[in-house]
C-alpha atoms as a PDB file:
ATOM      1  CA  MET A   1     -43.743  41.452  20.501  1.00  0.00           C
ATOM      2  CA  GLU A   2     -44.854  38.032  21.534  1.00  0.00           C
ATOM      3  CA  PHE A   3     -47.609  36.062  19.890  1.00  0.00           C
ATOM      4  CA  THR A   4     -49.549  32.920  20.512  1.00  0.00           C
ATOM      5  CA  GLN A   5     -51.538  31.009  17.984  1.00  0.00           C
ATOM      6  CA  GLU A   6     -54.666  28.952  18.058  1.00  0.00           C
ATOM      7  CA  LYS A   7     -55.466  26.837  15.049  1.00  0.00           C
ATOM      8  CA  SER A   8     -59.092  26.244  14.119  1.00  0.00           C
ATOM      9  CA  THR A   9     -60.664  24.318  11.282  1.00  0.00           C
ATOM     10  CA  ILE A  10     -60.845  27.445   9.125  1.00  0.00           C
ATOM     11  CA  GLY A  11     -57.624  29.257  10.027  1.00  0.00           C
ATOM     12  CA  MET A  12     -55.580  30.820  12.783  1.00  0.00           C
ATOM     13  CA  VAL A  13     -56.094  33.286  15.587  1.00  0.00           C
ATOM     14  CA  MET A  14     -52.852  35.024  16.494  1.00  0.00           C
ATOM     15  CA  SER A  15     -52.834  37.003  19.743  1.00  0.00           C
ATOM     16  CA  LEU A  16     -50.137  39.697  19.840  1.00  0.00           C
ATOM     17  CA  ARG A  17     -48.783  41.123  23.113  1.00  0.00           C
ATOM     18  CA  GLY A  18     -46.334  43.765  24.253  1.00  0.00           C
ATOM     19  CA  SER A  19     -44.642  46.284  21.972  1.00  0.00           C
ATOM     20  CA  PHE A  20     -44.632  45.761  18.220  1.00  0.00           C
ATOM     21  CA  THR A  21     -41.767  47.698  16.626  1.00  0.00           C
ATOM     22  CA  PHE A  22     -39.204  47.550  13.850  1.00  0.00           C
ATOM     23  CA  LYS A  23     -37.034  45.192  15.909  1.00  0.00           C
ATOM     24  CA  ASP A  24     -39.841  42.608  15.788  1.00  0.00           C
ATOM     25  CA  TYR A  25     -39.445  41.988  12.073  1.00  0.00           C
ATOM     26  CA  HIS A  26     -38.167  38.417  12.548  1.00  0.00           C
ATOM     27  CA  SER A  27     -41.050  37.585  14.911  1.00  0.00           C
ATOM     28  CA  PHE A  28     -43.415  39.071  12.358  1.00  0.00           C
ATOM     29  CA  ARG A  29     -41.975  36.844   9.618  1.00  0.00           C
ATOM     30  CA  ALA A  30     -42.529  33.821  11.897  1.00  0.00           C
ATOM     31  CA  LEU A  31     -46.124  34.958  12.408  1.00  0.00           C
ATOM     32  CA  LEU A  32     -46.656  35.142   8.617  1.00  0.00           C
ATOM     33  CA  ASP A  33     -45.103  31.699   8.191  1.00  0.00           C
ATOM     34  CA  ALA A  34     -47.561  30.312  10.755  1.00  0.00           C
ATOM     35  CA  LEU A  35     -50.465  31.923   8.883  1.00  0.00           C
ATOM     36  CA  ARG A  36     -49.306  30.307   5.650  1.00  0.00           C
ATOM     37  CA  SER A  37     -49.486  26.892   7.311  1.00  0.00           C
ATOM     38  CA  GLY A  38     -53.188  26.449   6.762  1.00  0.00           C
ATOM     39  CA  GLY A  39     -56.677  27.782   6.597  1.00  0.00           C
ATOM     40  CA  GLN A  40     -58.164  30.743   4.806  1.00  0.00           C
ATOM     41  CA  HIS A  41     -59.625  32.832   7.654  1.00  0.00           C
ATOM     42  CA  HIS A  42     -57.087  34.440   9.947  1.00  0.00           C
ATOM     43  CA  VAL A  43     -57.429  36.848  12.855  1.00  0.00           C
ATOM     44  CA  LEU A  44     -54.781  39.012  14.464  1.00  0.00           C
ATOM     45  CA  ASP A  45     -55.953  39.845  17.962  1.00  0.00           C
ATOM     46  CA  LEU A  46     -54.297  43.176  18.778  1.00  0.00           C
ATOM     47  CA  SER A  47     -55.886  43.732  22.176  1.00  0.00           C
ATOM     48  CA  GLY A  48     -52.657  42.836  24.003  1.00  0.00           C
ATOM     49  CA  LEU A  49     -50.452  45.324  22.186  1.00  0.00           C
ATOM     50  CA  GLU A  50     -49.257  48.176  24.372  1.00  0.00           C
ATOM     51  CA  PHE A  51     -47.184  50.061  21.790  1.00  0.00           C
ATOM     52  CA  VAL A  52     -46.946  50.043  17.995  1.00  0.00           C
ATOM     53  CA  ASP A  53     -44.510  52.098  15.910  1.00  0.00           C
ATOM     54  CA  SER A  54     -44.811  53.098  12.268  1.00  0.00           C
ATOM     55  CA  ALA A  55     -42.734  50.104  11.117  1.00  0.00           C
ATOM     56  CA  ALA A  56     -45.227  47.779  12.807  1.00  0.00           C
ATOM     57  CA  LEU A  57     -48.092  49.494  10.972  1.00  0.00           C
ATOM     58  CA  GLY A  58     -46.179  48.834   7.780  1.00  0.00           C
ATOM     59  CA  MET A  59     -45.822  45.165   8.726  1.00  0.00           C
ATOM     60  CA  LEU A  60     -49.573  44.964   9.269  1.00  0.00           C
ATOM     61  CA  LEU A  61     -49.985  46.344   5.742  1.00  0.00           C
ATOM     62  CA  ILE A  62     -47.621  43.627   4.515  1.00  0.00           C
ATOM     63  CA  ALA A  63     -49.758  40.986   6.246  1.00  0.00           C
ATOM     64  CA  ASP A  64     -52.873  42.412   4.640  1.00  0.00           C
ATOM     65  CA  ASP A  65     -51.216  42.449   1.212  1.00  0.00           C
ATOM     66  CA  GLU A  66     -50.044  38.871   1.679  1.00  0.00           C
ATOM     67  CA  ALA A  67     -53.560  37.817   2.683  1.00  0.00           C
ATOM     68  CA  ARG A  68     -55.136  39.443  -0.355  1.00  0.00           C
ATOM     69  CA  SER A  69     -52.543  37.894  -2.685  1.00  0.00           C
ATOM     70  CA  ALA A  70     -53.053  34.435  -1.196  1.00  0.00           C
ATOM     71  CA  GLY A  71     -56.852  34.698  -1.063  1.00  0.00           C
ATOM     72  CA  TRP A  72     -57.049  34.661   2.738  1.00  0.00           C
ATOM     73  CA  THR A  73     -59.356  36.674   4.914  1.00  0.00           C
ATOM     74  CA  LEU A  74     -57.370  38.663   7.493  1.00  0.00           C
ATOM     75  CA  ILE A  75     -59.167  40.441  10.329  1.00  0.00           C
ATOM     76  CA  LEU A  76     -57.570  42.729  12.897  1.00  0.00           C
ATOM     77  CA  ARG A  77     -59.423  42.218  16.150  1.00  0.00           C
ATOM     78  CA  HIS A  78     -59.831  44.615  19.081  1.00  0.00           C
ATOM     79  CA  PRO A  79     -56.998  47.096  18.614  1.00  0.00           C
ATOM     80  CA  ALA A  80     -56.303  48.975  21.862  1.00  0.00           C
ATOM     81  CA  GLU A  81     -57.766  52.483  21.976  1.00  0.00           C
ATOM     82  CA  ARG A  82     -54.498  54.232  21.140  1.00  0.00           C
ATOM     83  CA  LEU A  83     -53.830  51.952  18.169  1.00  0.00           C
ATOM     84  CA  ALA A  84     -57.432  52.261  16.991  1.00  0.00           C
ATOM     85  CA  ARG A  85     -57.162  56.082  16.983  1.00  0.00           C
ATOM     86  CA  LEU A  86     -53.869  55.888  15.098  1.00  0.00           C
ATOM     87  CA  MET A  87     -55.374  53.571  12.500  1.00  0.00           C
ATOM     88  CA  GLU A  88     -58.397  55.839  12.059  1.00  0.00           C
ATOM     89  CA  THR A  89     -56.180  58.939  11.749  1.00  0.00           C
ATOM     90  CA  ALA A  90     -54.066  57.216   9.074  1.00  0.00           C
ATOM     91  CA  ALA A  91     -57.257  56.013   7.318  1.00  0.00           C
ATOM     92  CA  MET A  92     -56.069  52.436   7.764  1.00  0.00           C
ATOM     93  CA  ASP A  93     -59.533  51.452   8.929  1.00  0.00           C
ATOM     94  CA  SER A  94     -60.553  51.734   5.278  1.00  0.00           C
ATOM     95  CA  ILE A  95     -57.852  49.238   4.267  1.00  0.00           C
ATOM     96  CA  PHE A  96     -58.143  46.593   6.967  1.00  0.00           C
ATOM     97  CA  LYS A  97     -61.051  44.488   8.069  1.00  0.00           C
ATOM     98  CA  ILE A  98     -61.263  45.439  11.718  1.00  0.00           C
ATOM     99  CA  GLU A  99     -63.404  44.035  14.490  1.00  0.00           C
ATOM    100  CA  TRP A 100     -63.671  46.824  17.039  1.00  0.00           C
END
């Protein structure tokens, strides 16, 4: 997984690309560290993800938990169709704030 970040006055927009799997744990930790660096309104743009495994879904849950604990708003933006179906099947769309 690769990600880029854009900082705004209210938070960060992180755009994720490629495959997001268990092996991306260290990149994910770097993403969380960047989110902690400022702002209260953060967006993870998932439109560039081609593949996500179950560990990556767990990491997204960790990000959501961290956001709630820290008082941030975290929005998952534009998950690809396959990921969106997976999230709906797992009822994760009731946990996350998602912009379809």
